């Protein structure tokens, strides 16, 4: 995600929080009051979102001094100090919620992804994400997946051609749909979604780059693996959870796509505590 894209996202987030006129701060805290803030992990997990969180503090007040003690992708435990900040208390509080929103949400995605990756330890299968992301947040969320040890599926509709049931219905068949995609471009990978082993057999003869096994049981995925040549990457998706993901990985499938790692990840619990300092009255 470019710095310009992040700036736009941060501007929107700060505007919706009306940070330029924090009525509570105005009423309770003396203007110019200096302070120290510490962001601490309250739970164990994987970190992501340092870049946008840091940019929020910078955008609110360039005078805030930031000292990040960890980096994206780092494993943290409850009690780990993530960052120390120094600056005006008004500015620290104005930036707090927006910065933590980015940091907690993205760290939550990285943490859930890491759990799936850990569940596949010792297999040759990889966890990847989907396009089920928060509007405007896709690149940051997909970066969080990488910070958790996962991989990215296509970034957008121009990154690859994924033939799904609606495309097949409109086109008439898997064979016809795959052929038309390659006729459109031979430089972009083509993937076709299959819901049955009969469709997998048709897809094999059409020879896409990837076959997606949608909502199949581990037994059906294992059978698909047996009949699919290694030159075609095999991906499983649909109703796959942390509890059953290893069973799918052990079928020999190349990768597993999990939408929940982006659209349903709970936040990583973090907190920011501010300690006011004495004002220089000289």
Protein backbone atom coordinates (compact mmCIF):
# COMPACT_ATOMS: atom_id res chain seq x y z
CA UNK A 1 0.00 0.00 0.00
CA UNK A 2 1.48 3.32 -1.03
CA UNK A 3 2.11 6.12 1.42
CA UNK A 4 -0.52 8.18 -0.42
CA UNK A 5 -3.15 5.47 0.01
CA UNK A 6 -2.35 5.17 3.71
CA UNK A 7 -2.52 8.95 4.11
CA UNK A 8 -6.01 9.02 2.56
CA UNK A 9 -7.20 6.21 4.80
CA UNK A 10 -5.79 7.88 7.90
CA UNK A 11 -7.29 11.24 6.96
CA UNK A 12 -10.73 9.65 6.60
CA UNK A 13 -10.38 7.84 9.93
CA UNK A 14 -9.26 10.96 11.79
CA UNK A 15 -11.99 13.07 10.22
CA UNK A 16 -14.73 10.68 11.28
CA UNK A 17 -13.37 10.88 14.85
CA UNK A 18 -13.36 14.71 14.79
CA UNK A 19 -9.89 14.76 16.37
CA UNK A 20 -9.43 18.50 15.92
CA UNK A 21 -11.91 19.24 18.71
CA UNK A 22 -11.79 16.64 21.46
CA UNK A 23 -14.25 18.20 23.89
CA UNK A 24 -13.27 15.93 26.78
CA UNK A 25 -9.59 16.84 26.46
CA UNK A 26 -10.38 20.53 26.15
CA UNK A 27 -12.41 20.35 29.35
CA UNK A 28 -10.07 18.25 31.46
CA UNK A 29 -6.47 18.66 30.29
CA UNK A 30 -4.40 21.84 30.23
CA UNK A 31 -3.29 22.82 26.75
CA UNK A 32 0.35 21.88 26.17
CA UNK A 33 0.43 19.33 28.99
CA UNK A 34 3.27 16.91 28.10
CA UNK A 35 3.02 13.18 28.65
CA UNK A 36 4.41 9.73 27.97
CA UNK A 37 2.24 7.00 26.43
CA UNK A 38 2.96 3.29 26.37
CA UNK A 39 1.22 0.81 24.09
CA UNK A 40 1.20 -2.66 25.63
CA UNK A 41 -0.07 -6.07 24.53
CA UNK A 42 -2.76 -7.49 26.81
CA UNK A 43 -2.83 -10.83 24.99
CA UNK A 44 -0.46 -13.08 23.08
CA UNK A 45 -0.41 -12.77 19.31
CA UNK A 46 1.29 -11.64 16.12
CA UNK A 47 1.79 -7.95 15.40
CA UNK A 48 0.75 -6.01 12.31
CA UNK A 49 -0.13 -2.39 11.63
CA UNK A 50 2.93 -0.55 12.90
CA UNK A 51 3.14 1.52 9.70
CA UNK A 52 -0.40 2.96 9.75
CA UNK A 53 -0.44 3.32 13.54
CA UNK A 54 2.80 5.26 13.48
CA UNK A 55 1.53 7.37 10.61
CA UNK A 56 -1.55 8.30 12.65
CA UNK A 57 0.56 9.76 15.46
CA UNK A 58 2.73 11.57 12.93
CA UNK A 59 -0.32 12.99 11.17
CA UNK A 60 -1.97 14.21 14.38
CA UNK A 61 1.19 15.86 15.71
CA UNK A 62 4.65 15.66 14.18
CA UNK A 63 6.06 16.64 17.59
CA UNK A 64 5.14 13.23 19.02
CA UNK A 65 8.30 11.16 19.43
CA UNK A 66 7.78 7.47 18.71
CA UNK A 67 9.91 4.56 19.87
CA UNK A 68 8.63 1.25 18.50
CA UNK A 69 10.22 -1.73 20.24
CA UNK A 70 8.75 -4.40 17.96
CA UNK A 71 8.06 -4.80 14.24
CA UNK A 72 5.31 -6.19 12.03
CA UNK A 73 5.38 -9.98 12.12
CA UNK A 74 6.83 -10.17 15.64
CA UNK A 75 5.29 -12.51 18.18
CA UNK A 76 4.21 -10.71 21.36
CA UNK A 77 3.07 -11.92 24.75
CA UNK A 78 0.70 -10.32 27.24
CA UNK A 79 2.59 -7.51 28.92
CA UNK A 80 4.97 -6.87 26.01
CA UNK A 81 5.72 -3.16 25.58
CA UNK A 82 5.19 -2.33 21.93
CA UNK A 83 5.83 1.38 21.76
CA UNK A 84 6.64 4.43 23.86
CA UNK A 85 5.49 7.87 22.76
CA UNK A 86 6.24 11.33 24.09
CA UNK A 87 4.31 14.47 23.27
CA UNK A 88 1.38 16.71 24.21
CA UNK A 89 -1.32 14.74 26.03
CA UNK A 90 -4.00 16.34 23.83
CA UNK A 91 -2.27 14.98 20.71
CA UNK A 92 -1.62 11.54 22.18
CA UNK A 93 -5.26 11.14 23.13
CA UNK A 94 -6.49 12.48 19.80
CA UNK A 95 -4.49 9.83 17.95
CA UNK A 96 -5.02 6.96 20.40
CA UNK A 97 -8.23 5.35 19.16
CA UNK A 98 -7.48 5.61 15.45
CA UNK A 99 -3.95 4.25 15.90
CA UNK A 100 -5.16 1.38 18.07
CA UNK A 101 -7.99 0.59 15.64
CA UNK A 102 -5.43 -0.05 12.92
CA UNK A 103 -3.00 -1.87 15.18
CA UNK A 104 -5.54 -4.09 16.94
CA UNK A 105 -7.48 -5.03 13.80
CA UNK A 106 -4.44 -5.84 11.69
CA UNK A 107 -2.70 -7.66 14.54
CA UNK A 108 -5.86 -9.71 14.96
CA UNK A 109 -5.65 -10.80 11.33
CA UNK A 110 -1.96 -11.65 11.67
CA UNK A 111 -2.66 -13.60 14.86
CA UNK A 112 -5.46 -15.71 13.38
CA UNK A 113 -3.39 -16.34 10.26
CA UNK A 114 -0.47 -17.49 12.39
CA UNK A 115 -2.78 -19.96 14.15
CA UNK A 116 -3.75 -21.54 10.82
CA UNK A 117 -0.15 -21.60 9.65
CA UNK A 118 0.93 -23.28 12.88
CA UNK A 119 -1.81 -25.91 12.44
CA UNK A 120 -0.23 -26.90 9.11
CA UNK A 121 3.31 -27.29 10.47
CA UNK A 122 5.10 -30.19 8.80
CA UNK A 123 2.89 -30.22 5.70
CA UNK A 124 3.59 -28.69 2.29
CA UNK A 125 0.32 -26.79 2.31
CA UNK A 126 0.07 -23.02 2.52
CA UNK A 127 -2.63 -20.73 3.94
CA UNK A 128 -3.79 -17.91 1.66
CA UNK A 129 -6.41 -15.18 1.99
CA UNK A 130 -9.35 -14.14 -0.20
CA UNK A 131 -10.89 -10.87 -1.41
CA UNK A 132 -13.25 -10.88 1.60
CA UNK A 133 -11.68 -7.76 3.05
CA UNK A 134 -12.82 -4.46 4.56
CA UNK A 135 -13.41 -1.84 1.82
CA UNK A 136 -10.39 0.46 1.63
CA UNK A 137 -8.32 -1.79 3.90
CA UNK A 138 -7.49 -4.64 1.52
CA UNK A 139 -3.77 -4.01 1.06
CA UNK A 140 -3.20 -3.51 4.78
CA UNK A 141 -5.23 -6.61 5.63
CA UNK A 142 -3.41 -8.71 3.06
CA UNK A 143 -0.11 -7.41 4.44
CA UNK A 144 -1.30 -8.55 7.87
CA UNK A 145 -1.87 -12.05 6.46
CA UNK A 146 1.75 -12.08 5.30
CA UNK A 147 2.88 -10.87 8.73
CA UNK A 148 1.07 -13.90 10.14
CA UNK A 149 2.96 -16.24 7.84
CA UNK A 150 0.26 -16.69 5.21
CA UNK A 151 0.17 -15.80 1.54
CA UNK A 152 -1.98 -13.61 -0.67
CA UNK A 153 -4.47 -14.80 -3.25
CA UNK A 154 -5.30 -12.31 -6.00
CA UNK A 155 -5.29 -8.69 -4.91
CA UNK A 156 -8.09 -7.60 -7.24
CA UNK A 157 -10.06 -8.60 -10.34
CA UNK A 158 -7.12 -7.81 -12.62
CA UNK A 159 -4.58 -9.94 -10.73
CA UNK A 160 -5.90 -13.26 -11.99
CA UNK A 161 -8.93 -14.92 -13.56
CA UNK A 162 -11.03 -16.99 -11.16
CA UNK A 163 -13.87 -18.84 -12.88
CA UNK A 164 -16.73 -19.47 -10.43
CA UNK A 165 -20.16 -21.06 -10.74
CA UNK A 166 -21.79 -17.92 -12.14
CA UNK A 167 -19.14 -17.63 -14.86
CA UNK A 168 -19.55 -21.31 -15.75
CA UNK A 169 -23.34 -20.98 -15.89
CA UNK A 170 -23.15 -17.93 -18.13
CA UNK A 171 -20.48 -19.46 -20.36
CA UNK A 172 -21.98 -22.94 -20.65
CA UNK A 173 -19.17 -25.15 -19.36
CA UNK A 174 -15.85 -25.23 -17.52
CA UNK A 175 -14.05 -26.11 -20.75
CA UNK A 176 -15.52 -23.14 -22.60
CA UNK A 177 -14.84 -20.75 -19.73
CA UNK A 178 -11.19 -21.78 -19.37
CA UNK A 179 -10.67 -21.51 -23.12
CA UNK A 180 -12.12 -18.03 -23.25
CA UNK A 181 -9.95 -16.87 -20.35
CA UNK A 182 -6.77 -18.03 -22.06
CA UNK A 183 -7.96 -16.43 -25.29
CA UNK A 184 -8.39 -13.17 -23.37
CA UNK A 185 -4.83 -13.29 -22.00
CA UNK A 186 -2.09 -15.88 -21.77
CA UNK A 187 -0.13 -13.77 -19.28
CA UNK A 188 -2.60 -13.95 -16.36
CA UNK A 189 -3.15 -17.14 -14.37
CA UNK A 190 -6.49 -18.91 -14.67
CA UNK A 191 -8.23 -20.70 -11.80
CA UNK A 192 -11.50 -22.61 -11.97
CA UNK A 193 -13.80 -23.45 -9.06
CA UNK A 194 -15.12 -27.01 -8.87
CA UNK A 195 -17.84 -28.30 -6.54
CA UNK A 196 -17.78 -31.95 -7.62
CA UNK A 197 -15.21 -34.52 -8.70
CA UNK A 198 -16.92 -34.66 -12.10
CA UNK A 199 -16.17 -30.96 -12.53
CA UNK A 200 -12.58 -31.60 -11.43
CA UNK A 201 -12.20 -34.19 -14.19
CA UNK A 202 -13.50 -31.70 -16.77
CA UNK A 203 -11.22 -28.99 -15.40
CA UNK A 204 -8.16 -31.25 -15.63
CA UNK A 205 -8.70 -31.67 -19.37
CA UNK A 206 -9.22 -27.90 -19.76
CA UNK A 207 -5.87 -27.48 -17.93
CA UNK A 208 -6.14 -24.25 -15.92
CA UNK A 209 -3.26 -23.10 -13.75
CA UNK A 210 -5.23 -23.72 -10.54
CA UNK A 211 -8.26 -25.79 -9.56
CA UNK A 212 -10.24 -24.57 -6.55
CA UNK A 213 -12.07 -27.33 -4.65
CA UNK A 214 -15.08 -25.60 -3.14
CA UNK A 215 -16.87 -27.01 -0.09
CA UNK A 216 -15.55 -30.53 -0.59
CA UNK A 217 -14.89 -33.04 2.19
CA UNK A 218 -11.31 -34.05 2.98
CA UNK A 219 -12.00 -37.42 1.33
CA UNK A 220 -13.11 -35.74 -1.91
CA UNK A 221 -10.12 -33.40 -1.78
CA UNK A 222 -7.83 -36.42 -1.39
CA UNK A 223 -9.44 -38.06 -4.41
CA UNK A 224 -9.06 -34.85 -6.42
CA UNK A 225 -5.38 -34.78 -5.47
CA UNK A 226 -4.96 -38.35 -6.77
CA UNK A 227 -6.36 -37.54 -10.21
CA UNK A 228 -4.93 -34.03 -10.67
CA UNK A 229 -1.46 -33.72 -12.21
CA UNK A 230 1.14 -31.86 -10.19
CA UNK A 231 1.39 -29.23 -12.92
CA UNK A 232 -2.02 -27.90 -11.79
CA UNK A 233 -1.98 -26.21 -8.40
CA UNK A 234 -4.77 -27.51 -6.16
CA UNK A 235 -6.53 -25.24 -3.68
CA UNK A 236 -9.26 -26.03 -1.14
CA UNK A 237 -11.75 -23.57 0.33
CA UNK A 238 -15.13 -23.43 2.01
CA UNK A 239 -16.19 -24.53 5.52
CA UNK A 240 -12.56 -25.04 6.54
CA UNK A 241 -11.87 -24.11 10.15
CA UNK A 242 -8.96 -24.21 12.55
CA UNK A 243 -10.33 -27.52 13.83
CA UNK A 244 -10.34 -29.32 10.47
CA UNK A 245 -7.72 -27.44 8.44
CA UNK A 246 -4.98 -29.98 9.06
CA UNK A 247 -7.17 -32.80 7.76
CA UNK A 248 -7.44 -30.88 4.49
CA UNK A 249 -3.73 -30.11 4.38
CA UNK A 250 -2.85 -33.78 4.84
CA UNK A 251 -4.70 -34.65 1.61
CA UNK A 252 -1.77 -33.17 -0.30
CA UNK A 253 -3.59 -30.04 -1.47
CA UNK A 254 -1.17 -27.22 -2.29
CA UNK A 255 -2.93 -24.41 -0.48
CA UNK A 256 -6.03 -23.57 1.52
CA UNK A 257 -7.91 -20.28 1.13
CA UNK A 258 -9.52 -18.98 4.33
CA UNK A 259 -11.83 -15.96 4.10
CA UNK A 260 -12.29 -15.82 7.87
CA UNK A 261 -8.71 -14.72 8.51
CA UNK A 262 -9.61 -11.30 7.14
CA UNK A 263 -13.38 -10.94 7.51
CA UNK A 264 -13.84 -12.50 10.96
CA UNK A 265 -10.58 -12.10 12.88
CA UNK A 266 -11.06 -10.75 16.42
CA UNK A 267 -8.82 -7.87 17.41
CA UNK A 268 -5.62 -8.40 19.37
CA UNK A 269 -6.15 -6.83 22.78
CA UNK A 270 -3.81 -3.84 23.20
CA UNK A 271 -3.92 -0.82 25.47
CA UNK A 272 -2.38 2.64 25.62
CA UNK A 273 -1.75 4.26 28.99
CA UNK A 274 -0.74 7.91 29.24
CA UNK A 275 1.30 9.31 32.12
CA UNK A 276 1.20 13.14 32.30
CA UNK A 277 4.49 14.90 33.00
CA UNK A 278 5.06 18.13 34.89
CA UNK A 279 4.78 21.24 32.78
CA UNK A 280 7.74 23.54 32.48
CA UNK A 281 6.59 26.74 34.15
CA UNK A 282 9.90 28.55 33.91
